[in-house]
């Protein structure tokens, strides 16, 4: 965790694995569908990114037939 992360009021939890399982889609297939590398998709899944482009988010929601709020959750620090 970086110093910047420690000053944030919470964290973003990524539920991409849940949606992959619900839709019975493998990461490789989803990466191909939305036009990103498997490595990039893995980094999104693990939350090891600083941001997601809206075009990528739109592609994810279209491919998984879900809403942005289904994929990401804000959790306030205790």
N, C-alpha and C. Protein backbone atom coordinates (compact mmCIF):
# COMPACT_ATOMS: atom_id res chain seq x y z
N UNK A 1 0.84 -1.18 0.00
CA UNK A 1 0.00 0.00 0.00
C UNK A 1 0.89 1.24 0.00
N UNK A 2 0.59 2.18 -0.88
CA UNK A 2 1.40 3.39 -0.96
C UNK A 2 0.94 4.42 0.06
N UNK A 3 1.76 5.46 0.26
CA UNK A 3 1.38 6.53 1.18
C UNK A 3 0.08 7.18 0.73
N UNK A 4 -0.11 7.29 -0.59
CA UNK A 4 -1.34 7.88 -1.13
C UNK A 4 -2.55 7.05 -0.70
N UNK A 5 -2.44 5.71 -0.77
CA UNK A 5 -3.54 4.83 -0.40
C UNK A 5 -3.93 5.00 1.06
N UNK A 6 -2.95 5.25 1.91
CA UNK A 6 -3.22 5.38 3.34
C UNK A 6 -4.02 6.63 3.66
N UNK A 7 -4.01 7.63 2.79
CA UNK A 7 -4.76 8.86 3.05
C UNK A 7 -6.17 8.80 2.49
N UNK A 8 -6.49 7.76 1.72
CA UNK A 8 -7.82 7.64 1.15
C UNK A 8 -8.81 7.18 2.20
N UNK A 9 -10.10 7.62 2.08
CA UNK A 9 -11.10 7.27 3.10
C UNK A 9 -11.62 5.85 3.00
N UNK A 10 -11.22 5.11 1.98
CA UNK A 10 -11.72 3.75 1.81
C UNK A 10 -11.04 3.07 0.64
N UNK A 11 -11.68 2.02 0.16
CA UNK A 11 -11.12 1.27 -0.95
C UNK A 11 -12.22 0.85 -1.90
N UNK A 12 -11.83 0.50 -3.11
CA UNK A 12 -12.76 -0.02 -4.10
C UNK A 12 -12.58 -1.53 -4.17
N UNK A 13 -13.65 -2.26 -3.97
CA UNK A 13 -13.67 -3.71 -4.05
C UNK A 13 -14.17 -4.08 -5.44
N UNK A 14 -13.46 -4.97 -6.12
CA UNK A 14 -13.80 -5.37 -7.48
C UNK A 14 -14.49 -6.73 -7.43
N UNK A 15 -15.66 -6.81 -8.06
CA UNK A 15 -16.45 -8.04 -8.09
C UNK A 15 -16.46 -8.69 -9.47
N UNK A 16 -15.41 -8.49 -10.23
CA UNK A 16 -15.35 -9.02 -11.58
C UNK A 16 -15.36 -10.55 -11.60
N UNK A 17 -14.68 -11.19 -10.66
CA UNK A 17 -14.67 -12.66 -10.59
C UNK A 17 -16.09 -13.21 -10.42
N UNK A 18 -16.89 -12.53 -9.61
CA UNK A 18 -18.27 -12.96 -9.38
C UNK A 18 -19.04 -12.95 -10.70
N UNK A 19 -18.87 -11.88 -11.47
CA UNK A 19 -19.61 -11.75 -12.72
C UNK A 19 -19.09 -12.70 -13.79
N UNK A 20 -17.80 -12.97 -13.79
CA UNK A 20 -17.27 -13.98 -14.71
C UNK A 20 -17.91 -15.34 -14.41
N UNK A 21 -18.01 -15.68 -13.15
CA UNK A 21 -18.62 -16.95 -12.75
C UNK A 21 -20.10 -16.99 -13.10
N UNK A 22 -20.81 -15.89 -12.83
CA UNK A 22 -22.25 -15.84 -13.14
C UNK A 22 -22.51 -16.03 -14.62
N UNK A 23 -21.66 -15.46 -15.44
CA UNK A 23 -21.85 -15.51 -16.88
C UNK A 23 -21.12 -16.70 -17.52
N UNK A 24 -20.42 -17.47 -16.68
CA UNK A 24 -19.67 -18.64 -17.15
C UNK A 24 -18.73 -18.27 -18.29
N UNK A 25 -17.96 -17.20 -18.06
CA UNK A 25 -17.00 -16.70 -19.04
C UNK A 25 -15.61 -16.76 -18.41
N UNK A 26 -14.64 -17.21 -19.16
CA UNK A 26 -13.25 -17.23 -18.70
C UNK A 26 -12.63 -15.85 -18.92
N UNK A 27 -11.63 -15.56 -18.13
CA UNK A 27 -10.95 -14.26 -18.25
C UNK A 27 -10.42 -14.02 -19.65
N UNK A 28 -9.84 -15.04 -20.26
CA UNK A 28 -9.28 -14.88 -21.61
C UNK A 28 -10.37 -14.49 -22.61
N UNK A 29 -11.52 -15.14 -22.52
CA UNK A 29 -12.63 -14.83 -23.42
C UNK A 29 -13.11 -13.39 -23.22
N UNK A 30 -13.25 -12.98 -21.96
CA UNK A 30 -13.69 -11.61 -21.68
C UNK A 30 -12.67 -10.61 -22.18
N UNK A 31 -11.40 -10.87 -21.94
CA UNK A 31 -10.35 -9.96 -22.41
C UNK A 31 -10.43 -9.80 -23.92
N UNK A 32 -10.62 -10.89 -24.63
CA UNK A 32 -10.76 -10.84 -26.09
C UNK A 32 -11.99 -10.03 -26.50
N UNK A 33 -13.10 -10.26 -25.81
CA UNK A 33 -14.36 -9.56 -26.13
C UNK A 33 -14.23 -8.04 -25.96
N UNK A 34 -13.55 -7.63 -24.90
CA UNK A 34 -13.50 -6.19 -24.62
C UNK A 34 -12.26 -5.50 -25.17
N UNK A 35 -11.35 -6.29 -25.75
CA UNK A 35 -10.20 -5.70 -26.41
C UNK A 35 -9.08 -5.24 -25.48
N UNK A 36 -8.87 -5.99 -24.40
CA UNK A 36 -7.73 -5.72 -23.52
C UNK A 36 -6.92 -6.99 -23.36
N UNK A 37 -5.70 -6.85 -22.90
CA UNK A 37 -4.87 -8.03 -22.67
C UNK A 37 -5.36 -8.78 -21.43
N UNK A 38 -5.01 -10.05 -21.36
CA UNK A 38 -5.34 -10.83 -20.16
C UNK A 38 -4.68 -10.22 -18.93
N UNK A 39 -3.47 -9.71 -19.11
CA UNK A 39 -2.76 -9.08 -18.00
C UNK A 39 -3.50 -7.84 -17.50
N UNK A 40 -3.99 -7.02 -18.43
CA UNK A 40 -4.73 -5.82 -18.04
C UNK A 40 -6.01 -6.20 -17.30
N UNK A 41 -6.71 -7.23 -17.80
CA UNK A 41 -7.93 -7.67 -17.14
C UNK A 41 -7.62 -8.22 -15.75
N UNK A 42 -6.52 -8.94 -15.62
CA UNK A 42 -6.11 -9.46 -14.33
C UNK A 42 -5.85 -8.33 -13.34
N UNK A 43 -5.23 -7.28 -13.81
CA UNK A 43 -4.95 -6.14 -12.93
C UNK A 43 -6.24 -5.46 -12.49
N UNK A 44 -7.23 -5.40 -13.37
CA UNK A 44 -8.53 -4.84 -12.99
C UNK A 44 -9.16 -5.74 -11.92
N UNK A 45 -9.15 -7.07 -12.19
CA UNK A 45 -9.77 -8.03 -11.26
C UNK A 45 -9.17 -7.94 -9.87
N UNK A 46 -7.86 -7.72 -9.79
CA UNK A 46 -7.20 -7.70 -8.48
C UNK A 46 -7.16 -6.30 -7.86
N UNK A 47 -7.65 -5.32 -8.58
CA UNK A 47 -7.68 -3.95 -8.05
C UNK A 47 -6.32 -3.28 -8.05
N UNK A 48 -5.37 -3.80 -8.81
CA UNK A 48 -4.01 -3.25 -8.84
C UNK A 48 -3.85 -2.21 -9.94
N UNK A 49 -4.85 -1.36 -10.06
CA UNK A 49 -4.83 -0.29 -11.05
C UNK A 49 -5.22 1.01 -10.39
N UNK A 50 -4.89 2.11 -11.01
CA UNK A 50 -5.26 3.42 -10.47
C UNK A 50 -6.57 3.92 -11.06
N UNK A 51 -6.97 3.36 -12.20
CA UNK A 51 -8.19 3.81 -12.83
C UNK A 51 -8.60 2.88 -13.96
N UNK A 52 -9.84 3.06 -14.40
CA UNK A 52 -10.39 2.30 -15.52
C UNK A 52 -10.98 3.30 -16.50
N UNK A 53 -10.63 3.18 -17.76
CA UNK A 53 -11.21 4.06 -18.78
C UNK A 53 -12.69 3.77 -18.90
N UNK A 54 -13.47 4.82 -19.17
CA UNK A 54 -14.90 4.62 -19.36
C UNK A 54 -15.17 3.66 -20.52
N UNK A 55 -14.36 3.72 -21.57
CA UNK A 55 -14.56 2.82 -22.71
C UNK A 55 -14.39 1.36 -22.28
N UNK A 56 -13.45 1.09 -21.38
CA UNK A 56 -13.25 -0.27 -20.86
C UNK A 56 -14.41 -0.66 -19.97
N UNK A 57 -14.86 0.26 -19.13
CA UNK A 57 -15.99 -0.02 -18.24
C UNK A 57 -17.26 -0.29 -19.05
N UNK A 58 -17.48 0.49 -20.10
CA UNK A 58 -18.64 0.26 -20.97
C UNK A 58 -18.55 -1.12 -21.61
N UNK A 59 -17.37 -1.49 -22.10
CA UNK A 59 -17.17 -2.80 -22.73
C UNK A 59 -17.40 -3.93 -21.72
N UNK A 60 -16.92 -3.76 -20.49
CA UNK A 60 -17.14 -4.77 -19.45
C UNK A 60 -18.63 -4.94 -19.17
N UNK A 61 -19.33 -3.82 -18.98
CA UNK A 61 -20.76 -3.88 -18.68
C UNK A 61 -21.55 -4.49 -19.83
N UNK A 62 -21.16 -4.17 -21.06
CA UNK A 62 -21.84 -4.72 -22.23
C UNK A 62 -21.61 -6.23 -22.31
N UNK A 63 -20.37 -6.66 -22.16
CA UNK A 63 -20.03 -8.08 -22.27
C UNK A 63 -20.64 -8.91 -21.15
N UNK A 64 -20.75 -8.35 -19.96
CA UNK A 64 -21.26 -9.09 -18.81
C UNK A 64 -22.74 -8.80 -18.52
N UNK A 65 -23.34 -7.88 -19.30
CA UNK A 65 -24.74 -7.48 -19.11
C UNK A 65 -24.99 -7.08 -17.65
N UNK A 66 -24.20 -6.10 -17.21
CA UNK A 66 -24.33 -5.63 -15.83
C UNK A 66 -24.14 -4.12 -15.78
N UNK A 67 -24.23 -3.55 -14.60
CA UNK A 67 -24.04 -2.13 -14.37
C UNK A 67 -22.69 -1.89 -13.69
N UNK A 68 -22.12 -0.68 -13.83
CA UNK A 68 -20.83 -0.40 -13.17
C UNK A 68 -20.84 -0.71 -11.67
N UNK A 69 -21.95 -0.40 -11.02
CA UNK A 69 -22.06 -0.65 -9.58
C UNK A 69 -22.09 -2.13 -9.22
N UNK A 70 -22.36 -2.98 -10.20
CA UNK A 70 -22.31 -4.42 -9.97
C UNK A 70 -20.86 -4.90 -9.88
N UNK A 71 -19.97 -4.19 -10.58
CA UNK A 71 -18.58 -4.61 -10.66
C UNK A 71 -17.70 -4.02 -9.58
N UNK A 72 -18.08 -2.83 -9.07
CA UNK A 72 -17.24 -2.11 -8.11
C UNK A 72 -18.05 -1.68 -6.90
N UNK A 73 -17.42 -1.77 -5.74
CA UNK A 73 -18.07 -1.37 -4.49
C UNK A 73 -17.08 -0.49 -3.70
N UNK A 74 -17.57 0.61 -3.15
CA UNK A 74 -16.77 1.45 -2.27
C UNK A 74 -16.96 0.98 -0.85
N UNK A 75 -15.85 0.72 -0.16
CA UNK A 75 -15.89 0.31 1.24
C UNK A 75 -15.08 1.30 2.06
N UNK A 76 -15.76 2.00 2.95
CA UNK A 76 -15.13 2.99 3.82
C UNK A 76 -14.24 2.31 4.85
N UNK A 77 -13.11 2.96 5.17
CA UNK A 77 -12.21 2.43 6.20
C UNK A 77 -12.91 2.44 7.55
N UNK A 78 -12.61 1.47 8.35
CA UNK A 78 -13.20 1.36 9.70
C UNK A 78 -12.52 2.29 10.67
